[in-house]
Amino acid sequence: MSKLKVGDLAPDFTLEGTEGPFTLSDQRGARVVLLFYPGDGTTVCTKQFCAYRDTQAEMDALGAKVVGISVQDMASKEAFKAKHGLTTPLLADSDSSVATRYGVYTERFKLAKRTVVIIDETGRIAHMHTNFLSLGFDDADDLKQALAKLPPKTA
């Protein structure tokens, strides 16, 4: 599959999640932040999702639906969320099909590269940022800045 870019229609998907099934096309009319991450319980991923938990007010103020996606199964997601009291819904892309369609799956390491994809109200990709080494992550302020660069929400 060719590499997705800003302006492309975001590939639709349905994944099981810690708050029930999530279908991207059901979110039309709202902004969605997809947070692809390498793995549940890994050092940087734990820091990332605990940071979102610890800045929940800022995350709530983003005006977007925020979800995390990695290739581990639902049991792994539930354990990760419970162990750390995480507040961000986590989606299980167990067969890596979504990460592959978004161009963030790395076959060599069998994981998703840490990537933020913002989908606008029309279902188009409005922002993409990949941390190639996955050693850092976009915090609540980074997400706020990225969302602020988008055109105003349409009524």
N, C-alpha and C. Protein backbone atom coordinates (compact mmCIF):
# COMPACT_ATOMS: atom_id res chain seq x y z
N MET A 1 0.84 -1.19 0.00
CA MET A 1 0.00 0.00 0.00
C MET A 1 0.88 1.23 0.00
N SER A 2 0.44 2.26 -0.72
CA SER A 2 1.22 3.49 -0.77
C SER A 2 1.13 4.23 0.56
N LYS A 3 2.10 5.07 0.79
CA LYS A 3 2.17 5.83 2.04
C LYS A 3 1.05 6.87 2.09
N LEU A 4 0.33 6.90 3.20
CA LEU A 4 -0.71 7.90 3.38
C LEU A 4 -0.08 9.25 3.66
N LYS A 5 -0.81 10.30 3.29
CA LYS A 5 -0.31 11.65 3.54
C LYS A 5 -1.47 12.55 3.93
N VAL A 6 -1.12 13.71 4.45
CA VAL A 6 -2.13 14.70 4.84
C VAL A 6 -3.02 14.99 3.63
N GLY A 7 -4.32 15.00 3.88
CA GLY A 7 -5.31 15.24 2.83
C GLY A 7 -5.97 13.96 2.33
N ASP A 8 -5.32 12.82 2.55
CA ASP A 8 -5.90 11.54 2.13
C ASP A 8 -7.09 11.17 3.02
N LEU A 9 -8.03 10.44 2.44
CA LEU A 9 -9.12 9.89 3.23
C LEU A 9 -8.53 8.82 4.15
N ALA A 10 -8.85 8.92 5.43
CA ALA A 10 -8.31 7.95 6.40
C ALA A 10 -8.97 6.60 6.19
N PRO A 11 -8.19 5.53 6.10
CA PRO A 11 -8.77 4.19 5.97
C PRO A 11 -9.68 3.88 7.16
N ASP A 12 -10.87 3.43 6.88
CA ASP A 12 -11.81 3.08 7.94
C ASP A 12 -11.40 1.76 8.57
N PHE A 13 -11.80 1.57 9.82
CA PHE A 13 -11.52 0.32 10.52
C PHE A 13 -12.45 0.20 11.71
N THR A 14 -12.57 -1.02 12.18
CA THR A 14 -13.24 -1.31 13.45
C THR A 14 -12.30 -2.20 14.25
N LEU A 15 -12.03 -1.81 15.49
CA LEU A 15 -11.17 -2.59 16.38
C LEU A 15 -11.85 -2.72 17.74
N GLU A 16 -11.56 -3.83 18.40
CA GLU A 16 -12.01 -3.99 19.78
C GLU A 16 -11.15 -3.09 20.65
N GLY A 17 -11.78 -2.51 21.67
CA GLY A 17 -11.06 -1.62 22.55
C GLY A 17 -11.46 -1.76 24.00
N THR A 18 -10.73 -1.09 24.86
CA THR A 18 -10.99 -1.17 26.29
C THR A 18 -12.31 -0.50 26.68
N GLU A 19 -12.91 0.26 25.77
CA GLU A 19 -14.23 0.85 26.02
C GLU A 19 -15.25 0.32 25.01
N GLY A 20 -14.99 -0.85 24.46
CA GLY A 20 -15.87 -1.47 23.49
C GLY A 20 -15.35 -1.27 22.08
N PRO A 21 -16.09 -1.76 21.07
CA PRO A 21 -15.65 -1.63 19.68
C PRO A 21 -15.56 -0.16 19.27
N PHE A 22 -14.58 0.14 18.42
CA PHE A 22 -14.37 1.50 17.91
C PHE A 22 -14.32 1.42 16.40
N THR A 23 -15.21 2.16 15.74
CA THR A 23 -15.22 2.25 14.28
C THR A 23 -14.93 3.70 13.89
N LEU A 24 -13.89 3.89 13.09
CA LEU A 24 -13.48 5.25 12.74
C LEU A 24 -14.61 6.01 12.05
N SER A 25 -15.29 5.39 11.09
CA SER A 25 -16.33 6.12 10.34
C SER A 25 -17.49 6.56 11.23
N ASP A 26 -17.67 5.93 12.38
CA ASP A 26 -18.71 6.37 13.32
C ASP A 26 -18.36 7.70 13.96
N GLN A 27 -17.13 8.15 13.82
CA GLN A 27 -16.66 9.39 14.44
C GLN A 27 -16.78 10.59 13.52
N ARG A 28 -17.32 10.40 12.29
CA ARG A 28 -17.44 11.53 11.35
C ARG A 28 -18.14 12.69 12.03
N GLY A 29 -17.64 13.88 11.75
CA GLY A 29 -18.17 15.08 12.38
C GLY A 29 -17.36 15.49 13.61
N ALA A 30 -16.44 14.63 14.03
CA ALA A 30 -15.57 14.92 15.17
C ALA A 30 -14.13 14.73 14.75
N ARG A 31 -13.23 15.33 15.48
CA ARG A 31 -11.81 15.10 15.26
C ARG A 31 -11.38 13.89 16.06
N VAL A 32 -10.48 13.10 15.46
CA VAL A 32 -9.99 11.89 16.10
C VAL A 32 -8.47 11.90 16.07
N VAL A 33 -7.87 11.55 17.20
CA VAL A 33 -6.42 11.43 17.29
C VAL A 33 -6.11 9.95 17.49
N LEU A 34 -5.44 9.36 16.49
CA LEU A 34 -4.98 7.98 16.58
C LEU A 34 -3.54 8.00 17.06
N LEU A 35 -3.29 7.33 18.18
CA LEU A 35 -1.94 7.26 18.75
C LEU A 35 -1.42 5.83 18.57
N PHE A 36 -0.72 5.59 17.47
CA PHE A 36 -0.11 4.28 17.27
C PHE A 36 1.11 4.20 18.19
N TYR A 37 1.27 3.06 18.85
CA TYR A 37 2.41 2.91 19.76
C TYR A 37 2.93 1.47 19.71
N PRO A 38 4.23 1.30 20.03
CA PRO A 38 4.86 -0.02 19.87
C PRO A 38 4.31 -1.13 20.76
N GLY A 39 4.09 -0.88 22.05
CA GLY A 39 3.67 -2.02 22.86
C GLY A 39 3.20 -1.70 24.26
N ASP A 40 2.21 -2.44 24.70
CA ASP A 40 1.69 -2.31 26.05
C ASP A 40 2.78 -2.65 27.06
N GLY A 41 2.92 -1.79 28.06
CA GLY A 41 3.84 -2.07 29.15
C GLY A 41 5.30 -1.78 28.88
N THR A 42 5.65 -1.35 27.67
CA THR A 42 7.04 -0.99 27.41
C THR A 42 7.34 0.35 28.08
N THR A 43 8.59 0.64 28.31
CA THR A 43 8.98 1.81 29.09
C THR A 43 8.41 3.12 28.55
N VAL A 44 8.66 3.44 27.30
CA VAL A 44 8.21 4.72 26.76
C VAL A 44 6.69 4.75 26.60
N CYS A 45 6.10 3.64 26.20
CA CYS A 45 4.63 3.60 26.06
C CYS A 45 3.96 3.80 27.41
N THR A 46 4.52 3.22 28.46
CA THR A 46 3.97 3.41 29.80
C THR A 46 4.07 4.88 30.19
N LYS A 47 5.23 5.49 29.95
CA LYS A 47 5.38 6.93 30.24
C LYS A 47 4.37 7.75 29.45
N GLN A 48 4.19 7.41 28.16
CA GLN A 48 3.28 8.15 27.29
C GLN A 48 1.85 8.12 27.84
N PHE A 49 1.33 6.93 28.08
CA PHE A 49 -0.07 6.83 28.47
C PHE A 49 -0.31 7.25 29.92
N CYS A 50 0.71 7.13 30.79
CA CYS A 50 0.59 7.68 32.14
C CYS A 50 0.61 9.21 32.08
N ALA A 51 1.36 9.78 31.15
CA ALA A 51 1.36 11.25 30.99
C ALA A 51 -0.02 11.73 30.57
N TYR A 52 -0.68 11.00 29.67
CA TYR A 52 -2.04 11.38 29.27
C TYR A 52 -2.98 11.27 30.47
N ARG A 53 -2.83 10.22 31.26
CA ARG A 53 -3.65 10.04 32.46
C ARG A 53 -3.45 11.21 33.42
N ASP A 54 -2.19 11.60 33.60
CA ASP A 54 -1.85 12.64 34.56
C ASP A 54 -2.21 14.05 34.09
N THR A 55 -2.51 14.19 32.79
CA THR A 55 -2.94 15.49 32.24
C THR A 55 -4.33 15.35 31.65
N GLN A 56 -5.19 14.59 32.33
CA GLN A 56 -6.51 14.28 31.80
C GLN A 56 -7.32 15.53 31.47
N ALA A 57 -7.23 16.58 32.29
CA ALA A 57 -7.98 17.82 32.01
C ALA A 57 -7.55 18.41 30.67
N GLU A 58 -6.25 18.42 30.40
CA GLU A 58 -5.74 18.94 29.13
C GLU A 58 -6.17 18.04 27.97
N MET A 59 -6.16 16.74 28.20
CA MET A 59 -6.58 15.81 27.15
C MET A 59 -8.07 16.00 26.85
N ASP A 60 -8.88 16.17 27.88
CA ASP A 60 -10.32 16.38 27.68
C ASP A 60 -10.58 17.68 26.92
N ALA A 61 -9.71 18.68 27.12
CA ALA A 61 -9.90 19.99 26.50
C ALA A 61 -9.46 20.02 25.02
N LEU A 62 -8.90 18.93 24.52
CA LEU A 62 -8.43 18.91 23.13
C LEU A 62 -9.58 19.02 22.13
N GLY A 63 -10.76 18.63 22.52
CA GLY A 63 -11.89 18.67 21.58
C GLY A 63 -11.79 17.60 20.51
N ALA A 64 -11.18 16.48 20.86
CA ALA A 64 -11.01 15.38 19.90
C ALA A 64 -11.12 14.06 20.66
N LYS A 65 -11.54 13.02 19.95
CA LYS A 65 -11.55 11.67 20.50
C LYS A 65 -10.15 11.12 20.33
N VAL A 66 -9.52 10.70 21.43
CA VAL A 66 -8.15 10.21 21.42
C VAL A 66 -8.15 8.72 21.75
N VAL A 67 -7.50 7.92 20.90
CA VAL A 67 -7.39 6.47 21.15
C VAL A 67 -5.97 6.00 20.86
N GLY A 68 -5.52 5.02 21.64
CA GLY A 68 -4.23 4.39 21.41
C GLY A 68 -4.42 3.08 20.65
N ILE A 69 -3.48 2.77 19.74
CA ILE A 69 -3.57 1.55 18.94
C ILE A 69 -2.20 0.87 18.91
N SER A 70 -2.19 -0.42 19.29
CA SER A 70 -0.98 -1.22 19.12
C SER A 70 -1.39 -2.64 18.72
N VAL A 71 -0.42 -3.45 18.40
CA VAL A 71 -0.72 -4.77 17.83
C VAL A 71 -0.93 -5.87 18.87
N GLN A 72 -0.87 -5.55 20.15
CA GLN A 72 -1.13 -6.57 21.17
C GLN A 72 -2.64 -6.84 21.25
N ASP A 73 -3.00 -7.97 21.87
CA ASP A 73 -4.40 -8.37 21.95
C ASP A 73 -5.14 -7.65 23.09
N MET A 74 -6.44 -7.91 23.21
CA MET A 74 -7.26 -7.24 24.21
C MET A 74 -6.83 -7.58 25.63
N ALA A 75 -6.40 -8.79 25.89
CA ALA A 75 -5.95 -9.14 27.24
C ALA A 75 -4.77 -8.26 27.65
N SER A 76 -3.87 -8.01 26.72
CA SER A 76 -2.72 -7.15 26.98
C SER A 76 -3.18 -5.72 27.24
N LYS A 77 -4.11 -5.24 26.44
CA LYS A 77 -4.65 -3.87 26.61
C LYS A 77 -5.29 -3.71 27.98
N GLU A 78 -6.15 -4.67 28.34
CA GLU A 78 -6.86 -4.60 29.63
C GLU A 78 -5.87 -4.61 30.79
N ALA A 79 -4.85 -5.46 30.72
CA ALA A 79 -3.85 -5.55 31.79
C ALA A 79 -3.05 -4.25 31.89
N PHE A 80 -2.64 -3.69 30.75
CA PHE A 80 -1.89 -2.43 30.70
C PHE A 80 -2.71 -1.31 31.32
N LYS A 81 -3.96 -1.21 30.92
CA LYS A 81 -4.84 -0.16 31.42
C LYS A 81 -5.06 -0.30 32.93
N ALA A 82 -5.34 -1.52 33.39
CA ALA A 82 -5.60 -1.75 34.80
C ALA A 82 -4.36 -1.50 35.67
N LYS A 83 -3.22 -1.96 35.22
CA LYS A 83 -1.99 -1.83 36.01
C LYS A 83 -1.65 -0.37 36.28
N HIS A 84 -1.91 0.50 35.30
CA HIS A 84 -1.48 1.90 35.42
C HIS A 84 -2.65 2.88 35.57
N GLY A 85 -3.87 2.37 35.63
CA GLY A 85 -5.03 3.26 35.77
C GLY A 85 -5.17 4.21 34.58
N LEU A 86 -4.91 3.70 33.38
CA LEU A 86 -4.91 4.55 32.18
C LEU A 86 -6.32 4.99 31.83
N THR A 87 -6.41 6.18 31.24
CA THR A 87 -7.71 6.77 30.90
C THR A 87 -7.95 6.86 29.40
N THR A 88 -6.92 6.67 28.60
CA THR A 88 -7.07 6.70 27.15
C THR A 88 -7.57 5.35 26.66
N PRO A 89 -8.64 5.32 25.86
CA PRO A 89 -9.08 4.03 25.31
C PRO A 89 -7.97 3.42 24.47
N LEU A 90 -7.78 2.11 24.61
CA LEU A 90 -6.75 1.39 23.88
C LEU A 90 -7.41 0.39 22.95
N LEU A 91 -6.95 0.35 21.69
CA LEU A 91 -7.52 -0.52 20.67
C LEU A 91 -6.53 -1.61 20.29
N ALA A 92 -7.05 -2.83 20.11
CA ALA A 92 -6.22 -3.99 19.79
C ALA A 92 -6.22 -4.25 18.28
N ASP A 93 -5.08 -3.98 17.65
CA ASP A 93 -4.87 -4.25 16.21
C ASP A 93 -4.06 -5.54 16.10
N SER A 94 -4.62 -6.63 16.63
CA SER A 94 -3.89 -7.89 16.80
C SER A 94 -3.31 -8.46 15.51
N ASP A 95 -3.96 -8.23 14.39
CA ASP A 95 -3.43 -8.75 13.13
C ASP A 95 -2.61 -7.70 12.37
N SER A 96 -2.38 -6.56 12.99
CA SER A 96 -1.59 -5.43 12.45
C SER A 96 -2.16 -4.85 11.15
N SER A 97 -3.41 -5.16 10.83
CA SER A 97 -3.99 -4.69 9.57
C SER A 97 -4.16 -3.17 9.54
N VAL A 98 -4.55 -2.58 10.66
CA VAL A 98 -4.75 -1.12 10.69
C VAL A 98 -3.40 -0.41 10.62
N ALA A 99 -2.44 -0.85 11.44
CA ALA A 99 -1.10 -0.25 11.40
C ALA A 99 -0.49 -0.38 10.00
N THR A 100 -0.74 -1.50 9.35
CA THR A 100 -0.22 -1.70 7.99
C THR A 100 -0.89 -0.73 7.02
N ARG A 101 -2.21 -0.60 7.08
CA ARG A 101 -2.93 0.31 6.17
C ARG A 101 -2.52 1.76 6.37
N TYR A 102 -2.14 2.11 7.59
CA TYR A 102 -1.70 3.48 7.88
C TYR A 102 -0.20 3.67 7.64
N GLY A 103 0.48 2.60 7.23
CA GLY A 103 1.90 2.70 6.90
C GLY A 103 2.82 2.83 8.09
N VAL A 104 2.37 2.40 9.28
CA VAL A 104 3.19 2.56 10.48
C VAL A 104 3.65 1.21 11.06
N TYR A 105 3.29 0.11 10.40
CA TYR A 105 3.70 -1.21 10.90
C TYR A 105 5.10 -1.53 10.39
N THR A 106 5.95 -2.01 11.28
CA THR A 106 7.27 -2.44 10.86
C THR A 106 7.36 -3.96 10.96
N GLU A 107 7.45 -4.57 9.83
CA GLU A 107 7.50 -6.04 9.72
C GLU A 107 8.70 -6.59 10.48
N ARG A 108 9.82 -5.90 10.41
CA ARG A 108 11.06 -6.38 11.04
C ARG A 108 10.89 -6.58 12.55
N PHE A 109 10.22 -5.61 13.21
CA PHE A 109 10.07 -5.67 14.66
C PHE A 109 8.68 -6.10 15.11
N LYS A 110 7.78 -6.30 14.13
CA LYS A 110 6.41 -6.74 14.42
C LYS A 110 5.69 -5.80 15.38
N LEU A 111 5.78 -4.48 15.11
CA LEU A 111 5.11 -3.50 15.93
C LEU A 111 4.79 -2.24 15.13
N ALA A 112 3.98 -1.38 15.72
CA ALA A 112 3.65 -0.09 15.08
C ALA A 112 4.65 0.95 15.54
N LYS A 113 5.09 1.78 14.59
CA LYS A 113 5.95 2.91 14.95
C LYS A 113 5.10 3.94 15.70
N ARG A 114 5.70 4.58 16.69
CA ARG A 114 4.99 5.60 17.46
C ARG A 114 4.63 6.75 16.52
N THR A 115 3.33 6.89 16.25
CA THR A 115 2.85 7.85 15.26
C THR A 115 1.54 8.46 15.72
N VAL A 116 1.41 9.77 15.52
CA VAL A 116 0.16 10.47 15.77
C VAL A 116 -0.48 10.76 14.42
N VAL A 117 -1.76 10.37 14.28
CA VAL A 117 -2.52 10.66 13.07
C VAL A 117 -3.79 11.38 13.53
N ILE A 118 -3.97 12.61 13.05
CA ILE A 118 -5.19 13.35 13.38
C ILE A 118 -6.11 13.31 12.17
N ILE A 119 -7.34 12.88 12.43
CA ILE A 119 -8.37 12.78 11.40
C ILE A 119 -9.34 13.94 11.62
N ASP A 120 -9.64 14.70 10.56
CA ASP A 120 -10.56 15.82 10.70
C ASP A 120 -12.02 15.35 10.65
N GLU A 121 -12.93 16.30 10.75
CA GLU A 121 -14.36 15.99 10.81
C GLU A 121 -14.88 15.30 9.56
N THR A 122 -14.19 15.47 8.44
CA THR A 122 -14.64 14.88 7.17
C THR A 122 -14.04 13.50 6.92
N GLY A 123 -13.19 13.04 7.85
CA GLY A 123 -12.58 11.73 7.69
C GLY A 123 -11.26 11.76 6.94
N ARG A 124 -10.69 12.94 6.79
CA ARG A 124 -9.40 13.06 6.09
C ARG A 124 -8.25 13.23 7.09
N ILE A 125 -7.08 12.77 6.69
CA ILE A 125 -5.90 12.91 7.53
C ILE A 125 -5.49 14.38 7.50
N ALA A 126 -5.44 14.99 8.69
CA ALA A 126 -5.11 16.41 8.80
C ALA A 126 -3.71 16.63 9.34
N HIS A 127 -3.13 15.59 9.97
CA HIS A 127 -1.80 15.71 10.57
C HIS A 127 -1.24 14.32 10.77
N MET A 128 0.06 14.17 10.49
CA MET A 128 0.76 12.91 10.79
C MET A 128 2.14 13.26 11.33
N HIS A 129 2.51 12.60 12.42
CA HIS A 129 3.85 12.79 12.97
C HIS A 129 4.34 11.45 13.50
N THR A 130 5.47 10.98 12.97
CA THR A 130 6.06 9.72 13.41
C THR A 130 7.35 10.01 14.16
N ASN A 131 7.50 9.37 15.31
CA ASN A 131 8.75 9.40 16.04
C ASN A 131 9.49 8.14 15.60
N PHE A 132 10.43 8.30 14.68
CA PHE A 132 11.06 7.15 14.03
C PHE A 132 11.76 6.19 14.99
N LEU A 133 12.35 6.70 16.05
CA LEU A 133 13.01 5.82 17.01
C LEU A 133 12.08 5.40 18.13
N SER A 134 10.90 6.01 18.21
CA SER A 134 9.90 5.71 19.24
C SER A 134 10.42 5.94 20.66
N LEU A 135 11.41 6.82 20.81
CA LEU A 135 11.97 7.08 22.14
C LEU A 135 11.29 8.27 22.83
N GLY A 136 10.55 9.04 22.09
CA GLY A 136 9.81 10.15 22.65
C GLY A 136 8.36 10.02 22.23
N PHE A 137 7.52 10.91 22.70
CA PHE A 137 6.11 10.87 22.33
C PHE A 137 5.53 12.27 22.35
N ASP A 138 4.42 12.45 21.66
CA ASP A 138 3.70 13.72 21.65
C ASP A 138 2.86 13.78 22.92
N ASP A 139 3.12 14.78 23.77
CA ASP A 139 2.34 14.91 24.99
C ASP A 139 1.09 15.75 24.73
N ALA A 140 0.33 16.05 25.78
CA ALA A 140 -0.93 16.80 25.62
C ALA A 140 -0.69 18.15 24.94
N ASP A 141 0.40 18.83 25.29
CA ASP A 141 0.70 20.13 24.67
C ASP A 141 0.99 19.97 23.18
N ASP A 142 1.75 18.93 22.81
CA ASP A 142 2.05 18.68 21.39
C ASP A 142 0.76 18.41 20.61
N LEU A 143 -0.12 17.61 21.19
CA LEU A 143 -1.39 17.31 20.53
C LEU A 143 -2.24 18.58 20.39
N LYS A 144 -2.26 19.40 21.44
CA LYS A 144 -3.01 20.67 21.40
C LYS A 144 -2.49 21.56 20.27
N GLN A 145 -1.17 21.67 20.16
CA GLN A 145 -0.57 22.50 19.11
C GLN A 145 -0.91 21.96 17.72
N ALA A 146 -0.84 20.66 17.55
CA ALA A 146 -1.16 20.07 16.24
C ALA A 146 -2.63 20.31 15.88
N LEU A 147 -3.52 20.14 16.85
CA LEU A 147 -4.95 20.38 16.59
C LEU A 147 -5.23 21.85 16.31
N ALA A 148 -4.48 22.75 16.96
CA ALA A 148 -4.69 24.19 16.78
C ALA A 148 -4.33 24.63 15.36
N LYS A 149 -3.47 23.88 14.68
CA LYS A 149 -3.07 24.22 13.31
C LYS A 149 -4.12 23.84 12.27
N LEU A 150 -5.09 23.05 12.67
CA LEU A 150 -6.14 22.64 11.74
C LEU A 150 -7.10 23.80 11.52
N PRO A 151 -7.78 23.81 10.37
CA PRO A 151 -8.79 24.84 10.15
C PRO A 151 -9.86 24.73 11.24
N PRO A 152 -10.57 25.82 11.53
CA PRO A 152 -11.62 25.76 12.55
C PRO A 152 -12.61 24.65 12.24
N LYS A 153 -13.17 24.08 13.29
CA LYS A 153 -14.18 23.04 13.13
C LYS A 153 -15.35 23.60 12.34
N THR A 154 -15.89 22.77 11.45
CA THR A 154 -17.06 23.17 10.69
C THR A 154 -18.31 22.87 11.47
N ALA A 155 -19.32 23.71 11.31
CA ALA A 155 -20.56 23.53 12.07
C ALA A 155 -21.44 22.49 11.42
